[in-house]
Amino acid sequence: MLRYWIGEAAIPFHSPKYNVAPGQQVLAIINDGERNRLGELKWGLVPSWADDPKIGNKMLNARSETVHEKPAFKQLIQRKRCIIPADGFYEWQVTGSSKQPMRIVLQTRNIFSMAGLYDTWLSPDGTRLSTCTILTTSPNELMAPIHDRMPVILRPEQESLWLDRDIQQANQLRDLFVPYPAEELEAYPVNSAVGNVRNDDSSLIEPLAVAP
């Protein structure tokens, strides 16, 4: 985790996940004002002002084009930005009446950083719930036939800027919200077992042979 300037002492134990579903815990990196920290956030944003934590089921993603305007996000984009590291993500490609899960990865197979926002909600009994949402942008040429949105993926040299809490102006961040270059990504079909959140093993990320 030297890439994210996180000391080994700050890295918690985390079992590999091959099928992360909404509402589950994801690894995330934040900056607390002094240093970068690695921990877990629940996927599905529950703003600190929310009355009901179930709102998180509807806030899995945030459109980067309007994140500076929407009440749920406009404060978070200033000081509560996070990175969700991953080595791939799934989308379902619909062709006629059939659906095929696709896994999208870097051509290099390296880890990449998805831009996110986070917040902490306090329940009436004092329990703290830390959650996140993933920013999306318009699809590139690879993603367009699969889905009408894609995650905002940061280049390594953009990661420190995204986590820098001193950078708060919209015009300083908007350049990060462009679609990641299609020629640097790869999409391949995987087994439909990924559609069941109870399935979580390395076979899910193996390429599936699809008849032409």
C-alpha atoms as a PDB file:
ATOM      1  CA  MET A   1       0.000   0.000   0.000  1.00  0.00           C
ATOM      2  CA  LEU A   2       2.973   2.316  -0.475  1.00  0.00           C
ATOM      3  CA  ARG A   3       1.157   3.689  -3.522  1.00  0.00           C
ATOM      4  CA  TYR A   4      -1.410   5.246  -1.189  1.00  0.00           C
ATOM      5  CA  TRP A   5       1.138   6.328   1.451  1.00  0.00           C
ATOM      6  CA  ILE A   6      -0.289   4.000   4.076  1.00  0.00           C
ATOM      7  CA  GLY A   7       2.064   2.447   6.614  1.00  0.00           C
ATOM      8  CA  GLU A   8       1.923  -1.316   7.140  1.00  0.00           C
ATOM      9  CA  ALA A   9       0.848  -0.826  10.753  1.00  0.00           C
ATOM     10  CA  ALA A  10      -2.318   0.869   9.513  1.00  0.00           C
ATOM     11  CA  ILE A  11      -3.396  -1.944   7.175  1.00  0.00           C
ATOM     12  CA  PRO A  12      -6.164  -4.137   8.650  1.00  0.00           C
ATOM     13  CA  PHE A  13      -6.586  -7.803   7.753  1.00  0.00           C
ATOM     14  CA  HIS A  14      -8.887  -8.171   4.764  1.00  0.00           C
ATOM     15  CA  SER A  15      -9.878 -11.413   3.048  1.00  0.00           C
ATOM     16  CA  PRO A  16     -10.022 -11.265  -0.764  1.00  0.00           C
ATOM     17  CA  LYS A  17     -13.495 -10.564  -2.164  1.00  0.00           C
ATOM     18  CA  TYR A  18     -14.526 -11.759  -5.602  1.00  0.00           C
ATOM     19  CA  ASN A  19     -18.157 -10.644  -5.544  1.00  0.00           C
ATOM     20  CA  VAL A  20     -18.854  -7.445  -3.640  1.00  0.00           C
ATOM     21  CA  ALA A  21     -22.549  -6.577  -3.434  1.00  0.00           C
ATOM     22  CA  PRO A  22     -24.360  -3.394  -2.366  1.00  0.00           C
ATOM     23  CA  GLY A  23     -24.617  -3.173   1.396  1.00  0.00           C
ATOM     24  CA  GLN A  24     -21.384  -5.076   1.979  1.00  0.00           C
ATOM     25  CA  GLN A  25     -18.124  -3.724   3.384  1.00  0.00           C
ATOM     26  CA  VAL A  26     -15.502  -2.501   0.914  1.00  0.00           C
ATOM     27  CA  LEU A  27     -11.901  -1.479   1.415  1.00  0.00           C
ATOM     28  CA  ALA A  28     -11.507   2.292   1.201  1.00  0.00           C
ATOM     29  CA  ILE A  29      -8.838   4.933   1.688  1.00  0.00           C
ATOM     30  CA  ILE A  30      -9.555   8.316   3.239  1.00  0.00           C
ATOM     31  CA  ASN A  31      -7.452  11.235   4.410  1.00  0.00           C
ATOM     32  CA  ASP A  32      -8.216  12.317   7.980  1.00  0.00           C
ATOM     33  CA  GLY A  33      -6.488  15.669   7.621  1.00  0.00           C
ATOM     34  CA  GLU A  34      -3.127  14.334   8.745  1.00  0.00           C
ATOM     35  CA  ARG A  35      -2.558  11.068   6.895  1.00  0.00           C
ATOM     36  CA  ASN A  36      -4.155   8.511   4.621  1.00  0.00           C
ATOM     37  CA  ARG A  37      -6.006   5.692   6.358  1.00  0.00           C
ATOM     38  CA  LEU A  38      -7.191   2.331   5.083  1.00  0.00           C
ATOM     39  CA  GLY A  39     -10.338   0.770   6.477  1.00  0.00           C
ATOM     40  CA  GLU A  40     -13.759  -0.546   5.539  1.00  0.00           C
ATOM     41  CA  LEU A  41     -16.895   1.335   4.535  1.00  0.00           C
ATOM     42  CA  LYS A  42     -20.350  -0.044   3.826  1.00  0.00           C
ATOM     43  CA  TRP A  43     -21.266   0.377   0.154  1.00  0.00           C
ATOM     44  CA  GLY A  44     -24.403   2.528   0.014  1.00  0.00           C
ATOM     45  CA  LEU A  45     -24.127   6.084   1.321  1.00  0.00           C
ATOM     46  CA  VAL A  46     -26.084   7.066   4.426  1.00  0.00           C
ATOM     47  CA  PRO A  47     -25.598  10.839   4.899  1.00  0.00           C
ATOM     48  CA  SER A  48     -25.047  12.038   8.451  1.00  0.00           C
ATOM     49  CA  TRP A  49     -28.372  13.913   8.338  1.00  0.00           C
ATOM     50  CA  ALA A  50     -30.462  10.924   7.151  1.00  0.00           C
ATOM     51  CA  ASP A  51     -33.497   9.839   9.175  1.00  0.00           C
ATOM     52  CA  ASP A  52     -33.371   6.237   7.974  1.00  0.00           C
ATOM     53  CA  PRO A  53     -30.230   4.242   7.094  1.00  0.00           C
ATOM     54  CA  LYS A  54     -32.212   2.393   4.420  1.00  0.00           C
ATOM     55  CA  ILE A  55     -31.546   5.398   2.177  1.00  0.00           C
ATOM     56  CA  GLY A  56     -28.166   3.781   1.549  1.00  0.00           C
ATOM     57  CA  ASN A  57     -29.842   1.204  -0.706  1.00  0.00           C
ATOM     58  CA  LYS A  58     -30.604   4.041  -3.145  1.00  0.00           C
ATOM     59  CA  MET A  59     -27.225   5.781  -2.939  1.00  0.00           C
ATOM     60  CA  LEU A  60     -24.782   3.243  -4.302  1.00  0.00           C
ATOM     61  CA  ASN A  61     -23.565   5.668  -6.953  1.00  0.00           C
ATOM     62  CA  ALA A  62     -23.303   9.424  -7.440  1.00  0.00           C
ATOM     63  CA  ARG A  63     -23.310  11.076 -10.863  1.00  0.00           C
ATOM     64  CA  SER A  64     -20.095  13.088 -11.116  1.00  0.00           C
ATOM     65  CA  GLU A  65     -21.793  15.660 -13.361  1.00  0.00           C
ATOM     66  CA  THR A  66     -24.114  16.804 -10.547  1.00  0.00           C
ATOM     67  CA  VAL A  67     -22.187  15.863  -7.402  1.00  0.00           C
ATOM     68  CA  HIS A  68     -21.422  19.529  -6.624  1.00  0.00           C
ATOM     69  CA  GLU A  69     -25.132  20.401  -6.711  1.00  0.00           C
ATOM     70  CA  LYS A  70     -27.038  17.528  -5.093  1.00  0.00           C
ATOM     71  CA  PRO A  71     -27.789  18.118  -1.374  1.00  0.00           C
ATOM     72  CA  ALA A  72     -26.618  14.624  -0.437  1.00  0.00           C
ATOM     73  CA  PHE A  73     -23.189  15.125  -1.989  1.00  0.00           C
ATOM     74  CA  LYS A  74     -22.234  18.798  -2.256  1.00  0.00           C
ATOM     75  CA  GLN A  75     -20.740  18.975   1.245  1.00  0.00           C
ATOM     76  CA  LEU A  76     -19.049  15.583   1.008  1.00  0.00           C
ATOM     77  CA  ILE A  77     -17.302  16.400  -2.283  1.00  0.00           C
ATOM     78  CA  GLN A  78     -15.397  19.131  -0.455  1.00  0.00           C
ATOM     79  CA  ARG A  79     -13.888  17.208   2.451  1.00  0.00           C
ATOM     80  CA  LYS A  80     -15.059  13.582   2.475  1.00  0.00           C
ATOM     81  CA  ARG A  81     -13.641  12.033  -0.655  1.00  0.00           C
ATOM     82  CA  CYS A  82     -12.364   8.469  -0.638  1.00  0.00           C
ATOM     83  CA  ILE A  83     -10.767   5.894  -2.898  1.00  0.00           C
ATOM     84  CA  ILE A  84     -12.133   2.382  -3.357  1.00  0.00           C
ATOM     85  CA  PRO A  85      -9.300   0.189  -4.694  1.00  0.00           C
ATOM     86  CA  ALA A  86     -10.248  -2.754  -6.907  1.00  0.00           C
ATOM     87  CA  ASP A  87      -8.836  -5.002  -9.586  1.00  0.00           C
ATOM     88  CA  GLY A  88     -12.109  -5.308 -11.484  1.00  0.00           C
ATOM     89  CA  PHE A  89     -15.854  -4.698 -11.474  1.00  0.00           C
ATOM     90  CA  TYR A  90     -18.894  -6.399 -12.997  1.00  0.00           C
ATOM     91  CA  GLU A  91     -21.661  -5.141 -15.272  1.00  0.00           C
ATOM     92  CA  TRP A  92     -24.399  -7.079 -17.030  1.00  0.00           C
ATOM     93  CA  GLN A  93     -24.572  -6.760 -20.799  1.00  0.00           C
ATOM     94  CA  VAL A  94     -28.076  -7.138 -22.211  1.00  0.00           C
ATOM     95  CA  THR A  95     -28.445  -8.527 -25.729  1.00  0.00           C
ATOM     96  CA  GLY A  96     -32.044  -9.088 -26.722  1.00  0.00           C
ATOM     97  CA  SER A  97     -33.562 -11.298 -24.041  1.00  0.00           C
ATOM     98  CA  SER A  98     -30.238 -12.538 -22.671  1.00  0.00           C
ATOM     99  CA  LYS A  99     -27.975 -11.057 -19.998  1.00  0.00           C
ATOM    100  CA  GLN A 100     -24.272 -11.769 -19.707  1.00  0.00           C
ATOM    101  CA  PRO A 101     -22.146 -10.642 -16.744  1.00  0.00           C
ATOM    102  CA  MET A 102     -18.926  -8.956 -17.830  1.00  0.00           C
ATOM    103  CA  ARG A 103     -15.842  -8.254 -15.758  1.00  0.00           C
ATOM    104  CA  ILE A 104     -13.957  -5.052 -16.511  1.00  0.00           C
ATOM    105  CA  VAL A 105     -10.254  -4.855 -15.628  1.00  0.00           C
ATOM    106  CA  LEU A 106      -7.150  -2.895 -16.560  1.00  0.00           C
ATOM    107  CA  GLN A 107      -5.205  -4.375 -19.463  1.00  0.00           C
ATOM    108  CA  THR A 108      -2.255  -4.566 -17.057  1.00  0.00           C
ATOM    109  CA  ARG A 109      -4.382  -6.369 -14.423  1.00  0.00           C
ATOM    110  CA  ASN A 110      -3.141  -3.853 -11.851  1.00  0.00           C
ATOM    111  CA  ILE A 111      -5.220  -2.445  -9.012  1.00  0.00           C
ATOM    112  CA  PHE A 112      -7.095   0.752  -9.879  1.00  0.00           C
ATOM    113  CA  SER A 113      -8.763   3.450  -7.800  1.00  0.00           C
ATOM    114  CA  MET A 114     -12.458   4.310  -8.020  1.00  0.00           C
ATOM    115  CA  ALA A 115     -13.416   7.767  -6.778  1.00  0.00           C
ATOM    116  CA  GLY A 116     -15.923   7.781  -3.933  1.00  0.00           C
ATOM    117  CA  LEU A 117     -17.509   9.859  -1.195  1.00  0.00           C
ATOM    118  CA  TYR A 118     -18.085   8.789   2.391  1.00  0.00           C
ATOM    119  CA  ASP A 119     -19.928   9.872   5.515  1.00  0.00           C
ATOM    120  CA  THR A 120     -20.665   8.635   9.033  1.00  0.00           C
ATOM    121  CA  TRP A 121     -24.209   8.312  10.361  1.00  0.00           C
ATOM    122  CA  LEU A 122     -24.993   8.110  14.059  1.00  0.00           C
ATOM    123  CA  SER A 123     -27.951   5.930  15.044  1.00  0.00           C
ATOM    124  CA  PRO A 124     -30.287   6.879  17.920  1.00  0.00           C
ATOM    125  CA  ASP A 125     -28.497   4.340  20.144  1.00  0.00           C
ATOM    126  CA  GLY A 126     -25.096   5.867  19.356  1.00  0.00           C
ATOM    127  CA  THR A 127     -23.901   3.264  16.848  1.00  0.00           C
ATOM    128  CA  ARG A 128     -21.671   4.727  14.130  1.00  0.00           C
ATOM    129  CA  LEU A 129     -22.216   3.640  10.535  1.00  0.00           C
ATOM    130  CA  SER A 130     -19.557   4.657   7.989  1.00  0.00           C
ATOM    131  CA  THR A 131     -20.657   4.307   4.373  1.00  0.00           C
ATOM    132  CA  CYS A 132     -19.626   5.265   0.856  1.00  0.00           C
ATOM    133  CA  THR A 133     -20.850   5.813  -2.682  1.00  0.00           C
ATOM    134  CA  ILE A 134     -18.949   5.417  -5.965  1.00  0.00           C
ATOM    135  CA  LEU A 135     -18.835   8.254  -8.484  1.00  0.00           C
ATOM    136  CA  THR A 136     -19.853   7.481 -12.061  1.00  0.00           C
ATOM    137  CA  THR A 137     -19.311   9.160 -15.407  1.00  0.00           C
ATOM    138  CA  SER A 138     -20.375   8.610 -19.012  1.00  0.00           C
ATOM    139  CA  PRO A 139     -19.140   5.353 -20.576  1.00  0.00           C
ATOM    140  CA  ASN A 140     -16.144   5.056 -22.856  1.00  0.00           C
ATOM    141  CA  GLU A 141     -16.223   3.120 -26.135  1.00  0.00           C
ATOM    142  CA  LEU A 142     -15.633  -0.208 -24.378  1.00  0.00           C
ATOM    143  CA  MET A 143     -18.326   0.305 -21.754  1.00  0.00           C
ATOM    144  CA  ALA A 144     -21.026   1.902 -23.925  1.00  0.00           C
ATOM    145  CA  PRO A 145     -22.352  -1.427 -25.315  1.00  0.00           C
ATOM    146  CA  ILE A 146     -22.417  -2.839 -21.777  1.00  0.00           C
ATOM    147  CA  HIS A 147     -23.797  -0.012 -19.621  1.00  0.00           C
ATOM    148  CA  ASP A 148     -24.690   3.673 -19.886  1.00  0.00           C
ATOM    149  CA  ARG A 149     -22.424   4.602 -16.943  1.00  0.00           C
ATOM    150  CA  MET A 150     -19.017   3.595 -15.597  1.00  0.00           C
ATOM    151  CA  PRO A 151     -17.067   4.309 -12.393  1.00  0.00           C
ATOM    152  CA  VAL A 152     -14.784   7.319 -12.219  1.00  0.00           C
ATOM    153  CA  ILE A 153     -11.358   5.655 -12.299  1.00  0.00           C
ATOM    154  CA  LEU A 154      -8.403   7.728 -11.136  1.00  0.00           C
ATOM    155  CA  ARG A 155      -4.909   7.475 -12.511  1.00  0.00           C
ATOM    156  CA  PRO A 156      -2.192   6.906  -9.857  1.00  0.00           C
ATOM    157  CA  GLU A 157      -0.960  10.489 -10.250  1.00  0.00           C
ATOM    158  CA  GLN A 158      -4.494  11.791  -9.533  1.00  0.00           C
ATOM    159  CA  GLU A 159      -5.047   9.867  -6.311  1.00  0.00           C
ATOM    160  CA  SER A 160      -3.298  12.293  -3.957  1.00  0.00           C
ATOM    161  CA  LEU A 161      -5.214  15.215  -5.451  1.00  0.00           C
ATOM    162  CA  TRP A 162      -8.524  13.423  -4.921  1.00  0.00           C
ATOM    163  CA  LEU A 163      -7.728  12.719  -1.264  1.00  0.00           C
ATOM    164  CA  ASP A 164      -6.347  16.227  -0.566  1.00  0.00           C
ATOM    165  CA  ARG A 165      -8.885  17.903   1.733  1.00  0.00           C
ATOM    166  CA  ASP A 166      -7.462  21.342   0.956  1.00  0.00           C
ATOM    167  CA  ILE A 167      -8.728  21.047  -2.615  1.00  0.00           C
ATOM    168  CA  GLN A 168     -12.411  21.923  -2.531  1.00  0.00           C
ATOM    169  CA  GLN A 169     -13.233  23.899  -5.672  1.00  0.00           C
ATOM    170  CA  ALA A 170     -15.341  22.173  -8.307  1.00  0.00           C
ATOM    171  CA  ASN A 171     -13.104  23.280 -11.165  1.00  0.00           C
ATOM    172  CA  GLN A 172     -10.122  21.591  -9.502  1.00  0.00           C
ATOM    173  CA  LEU A 173     -11.876  18.223  -9.498  1.00  0.00           C
ATOM    174  CA  ARG A 174     -13.972  18.109 -12.668  1.00  0.00           C
ATOM    175  CA  ASP A 175     -11.021  17.178 -14.856  1.00  0.00           C
ATOM    176  CA  LEU A 176     -10.864  13.889 -12.938  1.00  0.00           C
ATOM    177  CA  PHE A 177     -14.378  12.892 -13.959  1.00  0.00           C
ATOM    178  CA  VAL A 178     -13.618  11.933 -17.570  1.00  0.00           C
ATOM    179  CA  PRO A 179     -14.135   8.335 -18.746  1.00  0.00           C
ATOM    180  CA  TYR A 180     -11.046   6.163 -18.360  1.00  0.00           C
ATOM    181  CA  PRO A 181      -9.450   5.416 -21.766  1.00  0.00           C
ATOM    182  CA  ALA A 182     -11.091   2.399 -23.381  1.00  0.00           C
ATOM    183  CA  GLU A 183      -7.812   1.145 -24.826  1.00  0.00           C
ATOM    184  CA  GLU A 184      -6.442   0.643 -21.305  1.00  0.00           C
ATOM    185  CA  LEU A 185      -9.361  -1.527 -20.170  1.00  0.00           C
ATOM    186  CA  GLU A 186     -10.567  -5.004 -21.030  1.00  0.00           C
ATOM    187  CA  ALA A 187     -14.019  -6.570 -20.639  1.00  0.00           C
ATOM    188  CA  TYR A 188     -14.569 -10.313 -20.664  1.00  0.00           C
ATOM    189  CA  PRO A 189     -17.560 -12.582 -19.901  1.00  0.00           C
ATOM    190  CA  VAL A 190     -17.753 -14.470 -16.615  1.00  0.00           C
ATOM    191  CA  ASN A 191     -20.045 -17.092 -15.114  1.00  0.00           C
ATOM    192  CA  SER A 192     -23.579 -15.965 -14.226  1.00  0.00           C
ATOM    193  CA  ALA A 193     -22.976 -17.361 -10.733  1.00  0.00           C
ATOM    194  CA  VAL A 194     -21.699 -13.879  -9.945  1.00  0.00           C
ATOM    195  CA  GLY A 195     -25.346 -12.812  -9.839  1.00  0.00           C
ATOM    196  CA  ASN A 196     -25.766 -14.621  -6.506  1.00  0.00           C
ATOM    197  CA  VAL A 197     -24.107 -12.629  -3.711  1.00  0.00           C
ATOM    198  CA  ARG A 198     -23.553 -15.832  -1.720  1.00  0.00           C
ATOM    199  CA  ASN A 199     -21.047 -16.948  -4.337  1.00  0.00           C
ATOM    200  CA  ASP A 200     -17.622 -15.525  -3.580  1.00  0.00           C
ATOM    201  CA  ASP A 201     -14.618 -17.450  -4.845  1.00  0.00           C
ATOM    202  CA  SER A 202     -11.902 -17.058  -7.448  1.00  0.00           C
ATOM    203  CA  SER A 203     -13.814 -19.041 -10.090  1.00  0.00           C
ATOM    204  CA  LEU A 204     -16.086 -16.022 -10.552  1.00  0.00           C
ATOM    205  CA  ILE A 205     -13.334 -13.961 -12.164  1.00  0.00           C
ATOM    206  CA  GLU A 206     -12.254 -16.649 -14.628  1.00  0.00           C
ATOM    207  CA  PRO A 207     -13.035 -15.849 -18.296  1.00  0.00           C
ATOM    208  CA  LEU A 208     -16.057 -17.723 -19.619  1.00  0.00           C
ATOM    209  CA  ALA A 209     -15.880 -19.342 -23.035  1.00  0.00           C
ATOM    210  CA  VAL A 210     -18.846 -17.963 -24.970  1.00  0.00           C
ATOM    211  CA  ALA A 211     -19.986 -19.543 -28.223  1.00  0.00           C
ATOM    212  CA  PRO A 212     -19.687 -17.143 -31.200  1.00  0.00           C
END
